[in-house]
Structures are given as structure tokens and as C-alpha cells.
PDB file of N, CA and C in Angstrom:
ATOM      1  N   MET A   1       0.868  -1.350  -0.603  1.00  0.00           N
ATOM      2  CA  MET A   1       0.193   0.661  -0.138  1.00  0.00           C
ATOM      3  C   MET A   1       0.740   1.216   0.127  1.00  0.00           C
ATOM      4  N   ARG A   2       0.354   2.172  -0.941  1.00  0.00           N
ATOM      5  CA  ARG A   2       1.679   3.452  -1.109  1.00  0.00           C
ATOM      6  C   ARG A   2       0.661   4.304   0.340  1.00  0.00           C
ATOM      7  N   GLN A   3       1.845   5.290   0.566  1.00  0.00           N
ATOM      8  CA  GLN A   3       1.583   6.063   1.120  1.00  0.00           C
ATOM      9  C   GLN A   3       1.731   7.526   0.744  1.00  0.00           C
ATOM     10  N   ASN A   4       1.108   8.096   0.981  1.00  0.00           N
ATOM     11  CA  ASN A   4       0.639   9.407   0.367  1.00  0.00           C
ATOM     12  C   ASN A   4       1.044  10.695   1.476  1.00  0.00           C
ATOM     13  N   PHE A   5       1.853  10.854   2.004  1.00  0.00           N
ATOM     14  CA  PHE A   5       2.073  11.837   3.014  1.00  0.00           C
ATOM     15  C   PHE A   5       1.845  13.159   2.545  1.00  0.00           C
ATOM     16  N   PRO A   6       3.194  13.702   1.293  1.00  0.00           N
ATOM     17  CA  PRO A   6       2.803  14.846   1.140  1.00  0.00           C
ATOM     18  C   PRO A   6       1.576  15.554   0.570  1.00  0.00           C
ATOM     19  N   GLY A   7       0.615  14.413   0.338  1.00  0.00           N
ATOM     20  CA  GLY A   7      -1.051  15.120   0.033  1.00  0.00           C
ATOM     21  C   GLY A   7      -1.533  15.161   1.642  1.00  0.00           C
ATOM     22  N   LEU A   8      -1.132  14.354   2.154  1.00  0.00           N
ATOM     23  CA  LEU A   8      -1.708  14.702   3.414  1.00  0.00           C
ATOM     24  C   LEU A   8      -1.250  16.216   4.080  1.00  0.00           C
ATOM     25  N   ALA A   9       0.136  16.060   4.338  1.00  0.00           N
ATOM     26  CA  ALA A   9       0.849  17.971   4.629  1.00  0.00           C
ATOM     27  C   ALA A   9       0.053  18.603   4.179  1.00  0.00           C
ATOM     28  N   ALA A  10      -0.280  18.657   2.266  1.00  0.00           N
ATOM     29  CA  ALA A  10      -0.908  19.676   2.194  1.00  0.00           C
ATOM     30  C   ALA A  10      -2.279  19.878   2.270  1.00  0.00           C
ATOM     31  N   TRP A  11      -3.406  18.799   2.345  1.00  0.00           N
ATOM     32  CA  TRP A  11      -4.736  19.273   3.269  1.00  0.00           C
ATOM     33  C   TRP A  11      -4.345  19.750   4.325  1.00  0.00           C
ATOM     34  N   THR A  12      -3.669  19.139   5.500  1.00  0.00           N
ATOM     35  CA  THR A  12      -3.473  19.856   6.972  1.00  0.00           C
ATOM     36  C   THR A  12      -3.046  21.043   6.472  1.00  0.00           C
ATOM     37  N   LEU A  13      -1.961  21.151   5.838  1.00  0.00           N
ATOM     38  CA  LEU A  13      -1.484  23.198   5.568  1.00  0.00           C
ATOM     39  C   LEU A  13      -2.708  23.794   5.259  1.00  0.00           C
ATOM     40  N   LEU A  14      -3.708  23.338   4.400  1.00  0.00           N
ATOM     41  CA  LEU A  14      -4.732  24.164   3.498  1.00  0.00           C
ATOM     42  C   LEU A  14      -5.949  24.228   5.084  1.00  0.00           C
ATOM     43  N   LEU A  15      -6.596  23.352   5.656  1.00  0.00           N
ATOM     44  CA  LEU A  15      -6.737  23.403   6.897  1.00  0.00           C
ATOM     45  C   LEU A  15      -6.464  24.298   7.860  1.00  0.00           C
ATOM     46  N   LEU A  16      -5.664  23.491   8.313  1.00  0.00           N
ATOM     47  CA  LEU A  16      -4.709  25.241   9.154  1.00  0.00           C
ATOM     48  C   LEU A  16      -4.761  26.725   9.074  1.00  0.00           C
ATOM     49  N   GLY A  17      -5.034  26.943   7.556  1.00  0.00           N
ATOM     50  CA  GLY A  17      -4.655  28.090   6.682  1.00  0.00           C
ATOM     51  C   GLY A  17      -6.355  28.877   7.253  1.00  0.00           C
ATOM     52  N   ILE A  18      -7.535  28.093   6.933  1.00  0.00           N
ATOM     53  CA  ILE A  18      -8.779  28.551   6.883  1.00  0.00           C
ATOM     54  C   ILE A  18      -9.069  28.262   8.548  1.00  0.00           C
ATOM     55  N   ALA A  19      -8.429  27.431   9.208  1.00  0.00           N
ATOM     56  CA  ALA A  19      -8.829  28.123  10.396  1.00  0.00           C
ATOM     57  C   ALA A  19      -7.767  29.004  11.186  1.00  0.00           C
ATOM     58  N   ALA A  20      -6.757  29.587  10.515  1.00  0.00           N
ATOM     59  CA  ALA A  20      -6.252  30.677  11.050  1.00  0.00           C
ATOM     60  C   ALA A  20      -6.772  31.800  10.815  1.00  0.00           C
ATOM     61  N   GLY A  21      -7.445  32.332   9.412  1.00  0.00           N
ATOM     62  CA  GLY A  21      -8.254  32.678   8.808  1.00  0.00           C
ATOM     63  C   GLY A  21      -9.991  33.035   9.547  1.00  0.00           C
ATOM     64  N   GLY A  22     -10.143  31.872   9.934  1.00  0.00           N
ATOM     65  CA  GLY A  22     -11.571  32.226  11.305  1.00  0.00           C
ATOM     66  C   GLY A  22     -10.780  33.065  12.103  1.00  0.00           C
ATOM     67  N   VAL A  23      -9.642  32.188  12.460  1.00  0.00           N
ATOM     68  CA  VAL A  23      -9.584  33.293  14.061  1.00  0.00           C
ATOM     69  C   VAL A  23      -9.059  34.271  13.973  1.00  0.00           C
ATOM     70  N   TRP A  24      -8.260  34.787  12.766  1.00  0.00           N
ATOM     71  CA  TRP A  24      -7.942  36.424  12.168  1.00  0.00           C
ATOM     72  C   TRP A  24      -9.333  37.277  12.037  1.00  0.00           C
ATOM     73  N   LEU A  25      -9.935  36.573  11.206  1.00  0.00           N
ATOM     74  CA  LEU A  25     -11.151  37.460  11.151  1.00  0.00           C
ATOM     75  C   LEU A  25     -11.712  37.720  12.826  1.00  0.00           C
ATOM     76  N   VAL A  26     -12.016  36.490  13.548  1.00  0.00           N
ATOM     77  CA  VAL A  26     -12.723  37.438  14.443  1.00  0.00           C
ATOM     78  C   VAL A  26     -11.711  38.260  15.704  1.00  0.00           C
ATOM     79  N   MET A  27     -10.333  37.974  15.333  1.00  0.00           N
ATOM     80  CA  MET A  27      -9.386  38.523  16.278  1.00  0.00           C
ATOM     81  C   MET A  27      -9.340  40.280  15.713  1.00  0.00           C
ATOM     82  N   LEU A  28     -10.004  40.535  14.268  1.00  0.00           N
ATOM     83  CA  LEU A  28      -9.758  42.173  13.977  1.00  0.00           C
ATOM     84  C   LEU A  28     -11.208  42.248  14.065  1.00  0.00           C
ATOM     85  N   GLY A  29     -12.357  42.090  15.165  1.00  0.00           N
ATOM     86  CA  GLY A  29     -13.393  42.171  15.656  1.00  0.00           C
ATOM     87  C   GLY A  29     -13.257  42.592  16.945  1.00  0.00           C
ATOM     88  N   ARG A  30     -12.171  42.382  17.207  1.00  0.00           N
ATOM     89  CA  ARG A  30     -11.813  43.407  18.864  1.00  0.00           C
ATOM     90  C   ARG A  30     -11.030  44.537  19.017  1.00  0.00           C
ATOM     91  N   PRO A  31     -11.127  45.127  19.868  1.00  0.00           N
ATOM     92  CA  PRO A  31     -10.690  46.330  20.171  1.00  0.00           C
ATOM     93  C   PRO A  31      -9.230  46.241  19.777  1.00  0.00           C
ATOM     94  N   ASP A  32      -8.424  45.707  20.065  1.00  0.00           N
ATOM     95  CA  ASP A  32      -6.882  45.059  19.795  1.00  0.00           C
ATOM     96  C   ASP A  32      -6.311  44.823  18.690  1.00  0.00           C
ATOM     97  N   GLY A  33      -7.162  45.597  17.760  1.00  0.00           N
ATOM     98  CA  GLY A  33      -7.137  44.693  15.696  1.00  0.00           C
ATOM     99  C   GLY A  33      -5.887  44.574  16.039  1.00  0.00           C
ATOM    100  N   ALA A  34      -4.454  45.192  16.463  1.00  0.00           N
ATOM    101  CA  ALA A  34      -3.334  45.164  16.387  1.00  0.00           C
ATOM    102  C   ALA A  34      -2.825  43.125  16.761  1.00  0.00           C
ATOM    103  N   ALA A  35      -3.485  42.540  17.240  1.00  0.00           N
ATOM    104  CA  ALA A  35      -3.063  41.659  17.284  1.00  0.00           C
ATOM    105  C   ALA A  35      -3.402  40.657  16.926  1.00  0.00           C
ATOM    106  N   ALA A  36      -3.737  41.139  15.860  1.00  0.00           N
ATOM    107  CA  ALA A  36      -4.993  39.938  14.570  1.00  0.00           C
ATOM    108  C   ALA A  36      -3.848  39.646  13.581  1.00  0.00           C
ATOM    109  N   TRP A  37      -2.423  40.223  13.400  1.00  0.00           N
ATOM    110  CA  TRP A  37      -1.632  40.127  12.204  1.00  0.00           C
ATOM    111  C   TRP A  37      -0.962  38.825  12.265  1.00  0.00           C
ATOM    112  N   PRO A  38      -0.263  38.644  13.550  1.00  0.00           N
ATOM    113  CA  PRO A  38       0.126  36.908  13.678  1.00  0.00           C
ATOM    114  C   PRO A  38      -1.119  36.102  13.103  1.00  0.00           C
ATOM    115  N   TRP A  39      -2.325  35.888  13.468  1.00  0.00           N
ATOM    116  CA  TRP A  39      -3.555  34.840  12.890  1.00  0.00           C
ATOM    117  C   TRP A  39      -3.421  35.512  10.993  1.00  0.00           C
ATOM    118  N   GLY A  40      -3.333  36.454  11.096  1.00  0.00           N
ATOM    119  CA  GLY A  40      -3.654  37.305   9.623  1.00  0.00           C
ATOM    120  C   GLY A  40      -2.299  36.493   8.739  1.00  0.00           C
ATOM    121  N   THR A  41      -1.707  36.391   8.926  1.00  0.00           N
ATOM    122  CA  THR A  41       0.234  35.833   8.533  1.00  0.00           C
ATOM    123  C   THR A  41       0.132  34.236   8.504  1.00  0.00           C
ATOM    124  N   ALA A  42      -0.435  33.764   9.177  1.00  0.00           N
ATOM    125  CA  ALA A  42       0.172  32.034   9.533  1.00  0.00           C
ATOM    126  C   ALA A  42      -0.956  31.720   8.802  1.00  0.00           C
ATOM    127  N   ALA A  43      -2.399  32.304   8.549  1.00  0.00           N
ATOM    128  CA  ALA A  43      -3.735  32.142   6.887  1.00  0.00           C
ATOM    129  C   ALA A  43      -2.905  31.954   5.714  1.00  0.00           C
ATOM    130  N   ILE A  44      -2.486  33.252   5.622  1.00  0.00           N
ATOM    131  CA  ILE A  44      -1.701  33.517   4.042  1.00  0.00           C
ATOM    132  C   ILE A  44      -0.575  32.225   4.294  1.00  0.00           C
ATOM    133  N   VAL A  45       0.048  32.201   4.870  1.00  0.00           N
ATOM    134  CA  VAL A  45       1.389  31.064   4.373  1.00  0.00           C
ATOM    135  C   VAL A  45       1.261  29.730   4.723  1.00  0.00           C
ATOM    136  N   GLY A  46      -0.487  28.927   5.649  1.00  0.00           N
ATOM    137  CA  GLY A  46      -0.850  28.023   5.130  1.00  0.00           C
ATOM    138  C   GLY A  46      -2.043  28.019   4.040  1.00  0.00           C
ATOM    139  N   LEU A  47      -2.092  29.216   3.985  1.00  0.00           N
ATOM    140  CA  LEU A  47      -3.218  28.621   2.100  1.00  0.00           C
ATOM    141  C   LEU A  47      -2.305  28.670   1.379  1.00  0.00           C
ATOM    142  N   ALA A  48      -0.847  29.502   0.846  1.00  0.00           N
ATOM    143  CA  ALA A  48      -0.232  29.651   0.090  1.00  0.00           C
ATOM    144  C   ALA A  48       0.801  27.997   0.425  1.00  0.00           C
ATOM    145  N   ALA A  49       1.006  27.763   1.054  1.00  0.00           N
ATOM    146  CA  ALA A  49       1.871  26.229   1.427  1.00  0.00           C
ATOM    147  C   ALA A  49       1.127  25.423   0.792  1.00  0.00           C
ATOM    148  N   GLY A  50      -0.025  25.283   1.656  1.00  0.00           N
ATOM    149  CA  GLY A  50      -0.951  23.663   1.190  1.00  0.00           C
ATOM    150  C   GLY A  50      -1.350  24.099  -0.067  1.00  0.00           C
ATOM    151  N   GLY A  51      -1.815  25.150  -0.837  1.00  0.00           N
ATOM    152  CA  GLY A  51      -1.672  25.323  -2.400  1.00  0.00           C
ATOM    153  C   GLY A  51      -0.503  25.056  -3.454  1.00  0.00           C
ATOM    154  N   ALA A  52       0.183  25.401  -2.786  1.00  0.00           N
ATOM    155  CA  ALA A  52       2.206  25.142  -3.916  1.00  0.00           C
ATOM    156  C   ALA A  52       2.372  23.321  -3.784  1.00  0.00           C
ATOM    157  N   LEU A  53       2.058  22.858  -2.500  1.00  0.00           N
ATOM    158  CA  LEU A  53       1.927  21.468  -2.327  1.00  0.00           C
ATOM    159  C   LEU A  53       1.158  20.846  -3.573  1.00  0.00           C
ATOM    160  N   MET A  54       0.094  20.941  -3.529  1.00  0.00           N
ATOM    161  CA  MET A  54      -1.622  20.574  -4.261  1.00  0.00           C
ATOM    162  C   MET A  54      -0.788  20.289  -5.555  1.00  0.00           C
ATOM    163  N   VAL A  55      -0.368  21.762  -5.879  1.00  0.00           N
ATOM    164  CA  VAL A  55      -0.058  22.052  -7.491  1.00  0.00           C
ATOM    165  C   VAL A  55       1.319  21.069  -7.785  1.00  0.00           C
ATOM    166  N   THR A  56       2.258  21.117  -6.536  1.00  0.00           N
ATOM    167  CA  THR A  56       3.573  20.829  -7.025  1.00  0.00           C
ATOM    168  C   THR A  56       3.058  18.717  -6.986  1.00  0.00           C
ATOM    169  N   ILE A  57       2.151  18.791  -6.724  1.00  0.00           N
ATOM    170  CA  ILE A  57       2.126  17.292  -6.426  1.00  0.00           C
ATOM    171  C   ILE A  57       1.115  16.311  -7.545  1.00  0.00           C
ATOM    172  N   ARG A  58       0.278  17.727  -8.588  1.00  0.00           N
ATOM    173  CA  ARG A  58      -0.652  17.254  -8.921  1.00  0.00           C
ATOM    174  C   ARG A  58       0.237  17.425 -10.140  1.00  0.00           C
ATOM    175  N   TYR A  59       0.719  18.127 -10.497  1.00  0.00           N
ATOM    176  CA  TYR A  59       1.594  18.487 -12.199  1.00  0.00           C
ATOM    177  C   TYR A  59       2.761  18.012 -12.394  1.00  0.00           C
ATOM    178  N   GLN A  60       3.963  17.406 -10.677  1.00  0.00           N
ATOM    179  CA  GLN A  60       4.976  17.289 -10.784  1.00  0.00           C
ATOM    180  C   GLN A  60       4.675  15.637 -11.119  1.00  0.00           C
ATOM    181  N   TRP A  61       4.416  15.362 -10.083  1.00  0.00           N
ATOM    182  CA  TRP A  61       4.226  13.917  -9.557  1.00  0.00           C
ATOM    183  C   TRP A  61       3.099  12.976 -10.590  1.00  0.00           C
ATOM    184  N   HIS A  62       2.425  13.829 -11.191  1.00  0.00           N
ATOM    185  CA  HIS A  62       1.078  13.010 -12.119  1.00  0.00           C
ATOM    186  C   HIS A  62       0.293  12.270 -11.251  1.00  0.00           C
ATOM    187  N   ASN A  63       0.361  12.551 -10.405  1.00  0.00           N
ATOM    188  CA  ASN A  63      -1.403  11.839  -9.249  1.00  0.00           C
ATOM    189  C   ASN A  63      -1.960  12.879  -8.669  1.00  0.00           C
ATOM    190  N   ASP A  64      -3.370  12.615  -8.106  1.00  0.00           N
ATOM    191  CA  ASP A  64      -4.087  13.319  -7.203  1.00  0.00           C
ATOM    192  C   ASP A  64      -3.757  12.627  -5.699  1.00  0.00           C
ATOM    193  N   PRO A  65      -3.369  13.653  -5.038  1.00  0.00           N
ATOM    194  CA  PRO A  65      -3.254  13.345  -3.880  1.00  0.00           C
ATOM    195  C   PRO A  65      -4.344  12.545  -3.039  1.00  0.00           C
ATOM    196  N   LEU A  66      -5.670  12.746  -3.327  1.00  0.00           N
ATOM    197  CA  LEU A  66      -7.174  12.240  -3.325  1.00  0.00           C
ATOM    198  C   LEU A  66      -6.873  10.607  -3.687  1.00  0.00           C
ATOM    199  N   GLU A  67      -6.733  10.160  -4.460  1.00  0.00           N
ATOM    200  CA  GLU A  67      -6.844   9.139  -6.093  1.00  0.00           C
ATOM    201  C   GLU A  67      -5.389   8.591  -5.625  1.00  0.00           C
ATOM    202  N   PRO A  68      -5.240   7.510  -5.640  1.00  0.00           N
ATOM    203  CA  PRO A  68      -3.746   7.070  -5.962  1.00  0.00           C
ATOM    204  C   PRO A  68      -4.057   6.395  -7.602  1.00  0.00           C
ATOM    205  N   GLU A  69      -2.741   6.064  -8.066  1.00  0.00           N
ATOM    206  CA  GLU A  69      -2.322   5.488  -8.996  1.00  0.00           C
ATOM    207  C   GLU A  69      -2.906   4.466  -9.084  1.00  0.00           C
ATOM    208  N   THR A  70      -3.799   4.263 -10.316  1.00  0.00           N
ATOM    209  CA  THR A  70      -3.962   2.321 -10.977  1.00  0.00           C
ATOM    210  C   THR A  70      -2.538   1.425 -10.834  1.00  0.00           C
ATOM    211  N   THR A  71      -3.141   0.163 -10.133  1.00  0.00           N
ATOM    212  CA  THR A  71      -2.004  -0.847 -10.078  1.00  0.00           C
ATOM    213  C   THR A  71      -1.942  -1.501 -11.607  1.00  0.00           C
ATOM    214  N   ASP A  72      -1.218  -2.653 -11.676  1.00  0.00           N
ATOM    215  CA  ASP A  72      -1.466  -2.888 -12.978  1.00  0.00           C
ATOM    216  C   ASP A  72      -2.537  -4.381 -12.764  1.00  0.00           C
ATOM    217  N   GLU A  73      -2.612  -4.600 -11.715  1.00  0.00           N
ATOM    218  CA  GLU A  73      -3.328  -5.669 -11.343  1.00  0.00           C
ATOM    219  C   GLU A  73      -5.037  -5.065 -11.236  1.00  0.00           C
ATOM    220  N   GLU A  74      -5.282  -3.503 -10.610  1.00  0.00           N
ATOM    221  CA  GLU A  74      -6.614  -3.222 -10.920  1.00  0.00           C
ATOM    222  C   GLU A  74      -6.680  -2.988 -12.209  1.00  0.00           C
ATOM    223  N   ALA A  75      -5.623  -2.423 -13.318  1.00  0.00           N
ATOM    224  CA  ALA A  75      -5.972  -2.671 -14.568  1.00  0.00           C
ATOM    225  C   ALA A  75      -6.712  -3.855 -15.436  1.00  0.00           C
ATOM    226  N   ALA A  76      -5.605  -4.979 -14.964  1.00  0.00           N
ATOM    227  CA  ALA A  76      -6.044  -5.860 -15.534  1.00  0.00           C
ATOM    228  C   ALA A  76      -7.506  -6.491 -14.897  1.00  0.00           C
ATOM    229  N   VAL A  77      -8.082  -6.044 -14.211  1.00  0.00           N
ATOM    230  CA  VAL A  77      -9.379  -6.897 -13.441  1.00  0.00           C
ATOM    231  C   VAL A  77     -10.498  -5.849 -14.164  1.00  0.00           C
ATOM    232  N   TYR A  78      -9.824  -4.332 -14.006  1.00  0.00           N
ATOM    233  CA  TYR A  78     -10.541  -4.003 -15.346  1.00  0.00           C
ATOM    234  C   TYR A  78     -10.846  -4.592 -16.670  1.00  0.00           C
ATOM    235  N   ARG A  79      -9.865  -4.582 -17.644  1.00  0.00           N
ATOM    236  CA  ARG A  79      -9.988  -5.465 -18.762  1.00  0.00           C
ATOM    237  C   ARG A  79     -10.742  -6.751 -18.525  1.00  0.00           C
ATOM    238  N   ARG A  80     -10.618  -7.318 -17.906  1.00  0.00           N
ATOM    239  CA  ARG A  80     -11.245  -8.769 -18.006  1.00  0.00           C
ATOM    240  C   ARG A  80     -13.024  -8.404 -17.495  1.00  0.00           C
ATOM    241  N   ARG A  81     -13.040  -7.809 -17.052  1.00  0.00           N
ATOM    242  CA  ARG A  81     -14.739  -7.096 -16.382  1.00  0.00           C
ATOM    243  C   ARG A  81     -14.728  -6.563 -17.334  1.00  0.00           C
ATOM    244  N   ARG A  82     -13.967  -5.726 -18.469  1.00  0.00           N
ATOM    245  CA  ARG A  82     -14.848  -5.104 -19.440  1.00  0.00           C
ATOM    246  C   ARG A  82     -15.116  -5.773 -21.093  1.00  0.00           C
ATOM    247  N   ARG A  83     -13.914  -6.604 -20.840  1.00  0.00           N
ATOM    248  CA  ARG A  83     -13.573  -7.449 -21.950  1.00  0.00           C
ATOM    249  C   ARG A  83     -15.000  -8.537 -22.171  1.00  0.00           C
ATOM    250  N   ARG A  84     -15.007  -9.404 -20.932  1.00  0.00           N
ATOM    251  CA  ARG A  84     -16.559 -10.001 -20.577  1.00  0.00           C
ATOM    252  C   ARG A  84     -17.728  -9.555 -21.210  1.00  0.00           C
ATOM    253  N   HIS A  85     -18.028  -8.245 -20.299  1.00  0.00           N
ATOM    254  CA  HIS A  85     -19.180  -7.085 -21.144  1.00  0.00           C
ATOM    255  C   HIS A  85     -19.443  -7.072 -22.287  1.00  0.00           C
ATOM    256  N   ASP A  86     -17.928  -7.181 -22.936  1.00  0.00           N
ATOM    257  CA  ASP A  86     -17.951  -6.636 -24.466  1.00  0.00           C
ATOM    258  C   ASP A  86     -18.751  -7.875 -25.317  1.00  0.00           C
ATOM    259  N   ASP A  87     -17.949  -8.662 -24.409  1.00  0.00           N
ATOM    260  CA  ASP A  87     -18.029  -9.744 -26.004  1.00  0.00           C
ATOM    261  C   ASP A  87     -19.312 -10.417 -25.229  1.00  0.00           C
ATOM    262  N   ASN A  88     -20.199  -9.968 -24.145  1.00  0.00           N
ATOM    263  CA  ASN A  88     -21.595 -11.022 -23.599  1.00  0.00           C
ATOM    264  C   ASN A  88     -21.339 -12.230 -23.553  1.00  0.00           C
ATOM    265  N   ASP A  89     -20.032 -12.777 -23.104  1.00  0.00           N
ATOM    266  CA  ASP A  89     -19.607 -14.272 -22.944  1.00  0.00           C
ATOM    267  C   ASP A  89     -20.225 -14.517 -21.681  1.00  0.00           C
ATOM    268  N   ASP A  90     -20.415 -13.485 -20.879  1.00  0.00           N
ATOM    269  CA  ASP A  90     -21.541 -13.836 -19.041  1.00  0.00           C
ATOM    270  C   ASP A  90     -21.703 -12.979 -19.005  1.00  0.00           C
ATOM    271  N   PRO A  91     -23.617 -12.763 -18.865  1.00  0.00           N
ATOM    272  CA  PRO A  91     -24.178 -11.892 -18.673  1.00  0.00           C
ATOM    273  C   PRO A  91     -24.358 -11.325 -16.942  1.00  0.00           C
ATOM    274  N   THR A  92     -23.924 -11.895 -16.442  1.00  0.00           N
ATOM    275  CA  THR A  92     -24.190 -11.785 -15.024  1.00  0.00           C
ATOM    276  C   THR A  92     -22.973 -10.601 -14.797  1.00  0.00           C
ATOM    277  N   PRO A  93     -23.047 -10.137 -13.851  1.00  0.00           N
ATOM    278  CA  PRO A  93     -22.388  -9.341 -13.515  1.00  0.00           C
ATOM    279  C   PRO A  93     -20.617  -9.774 -12.644  1.00  0.00           C
ATOM    280  N   VAL A  94     -19.689  -9.283 -12.434  1.00  0.00           N
ATOM    281  CA  VAL A  94     -18.442 -10.106 -12.251  1.00  0.00           C
ATOM    282  C   VAL A  94     -18.683  -9.409 -10.640  1.00  0.00           C
TER     283      VAL A  94
END
């Protein structure tokens, strides 16, 4: 089983960036609005890093972080089932 740590890291960074953005919006409403800038910075950094990692995963490694690559065994099972369906050798689903 292939593990996809870069995809997990990208989603974690995106979610942390969204959470930091929410805290930043709440902090802006407080009287001491100057204390909000670290949260805004954390939100921007988290969203940018997570988005950049997602793009890198998608286009450099040619795979989707949520859906792993099809294995040779899965492809063979698909072809065998498709061939049976096309030839009508076995009308029952496999």
C-alpha cells in the first residue's frame, strides 16, 4: 500500500490556513485589532504552502493526492471485466 504523505501534508496545511483565517477574522473585531496580524500571516502562509504543495503534487508527480495511481492488477481486472461485458460471454455481473 502506497502512502501519500505529501498529499496529507497539503490538506493539513490548507485546513490549518482556513482555521487561522477564521481566528484572524474574529481577532479583527476585537478592540486591540493589532493582535490580529500574526493570525492573518499564519492564514496566508498556510493557504499558500498548502496550495503550492497541491499544485506540485498534481503536476510534478502526475497523481492526485486523493486518488492514488491505478495498479497493474486493478487495470487487468478492469480489462477482464470489460472484455466479458463487451463480448457478452457472461451476462451476470462479476
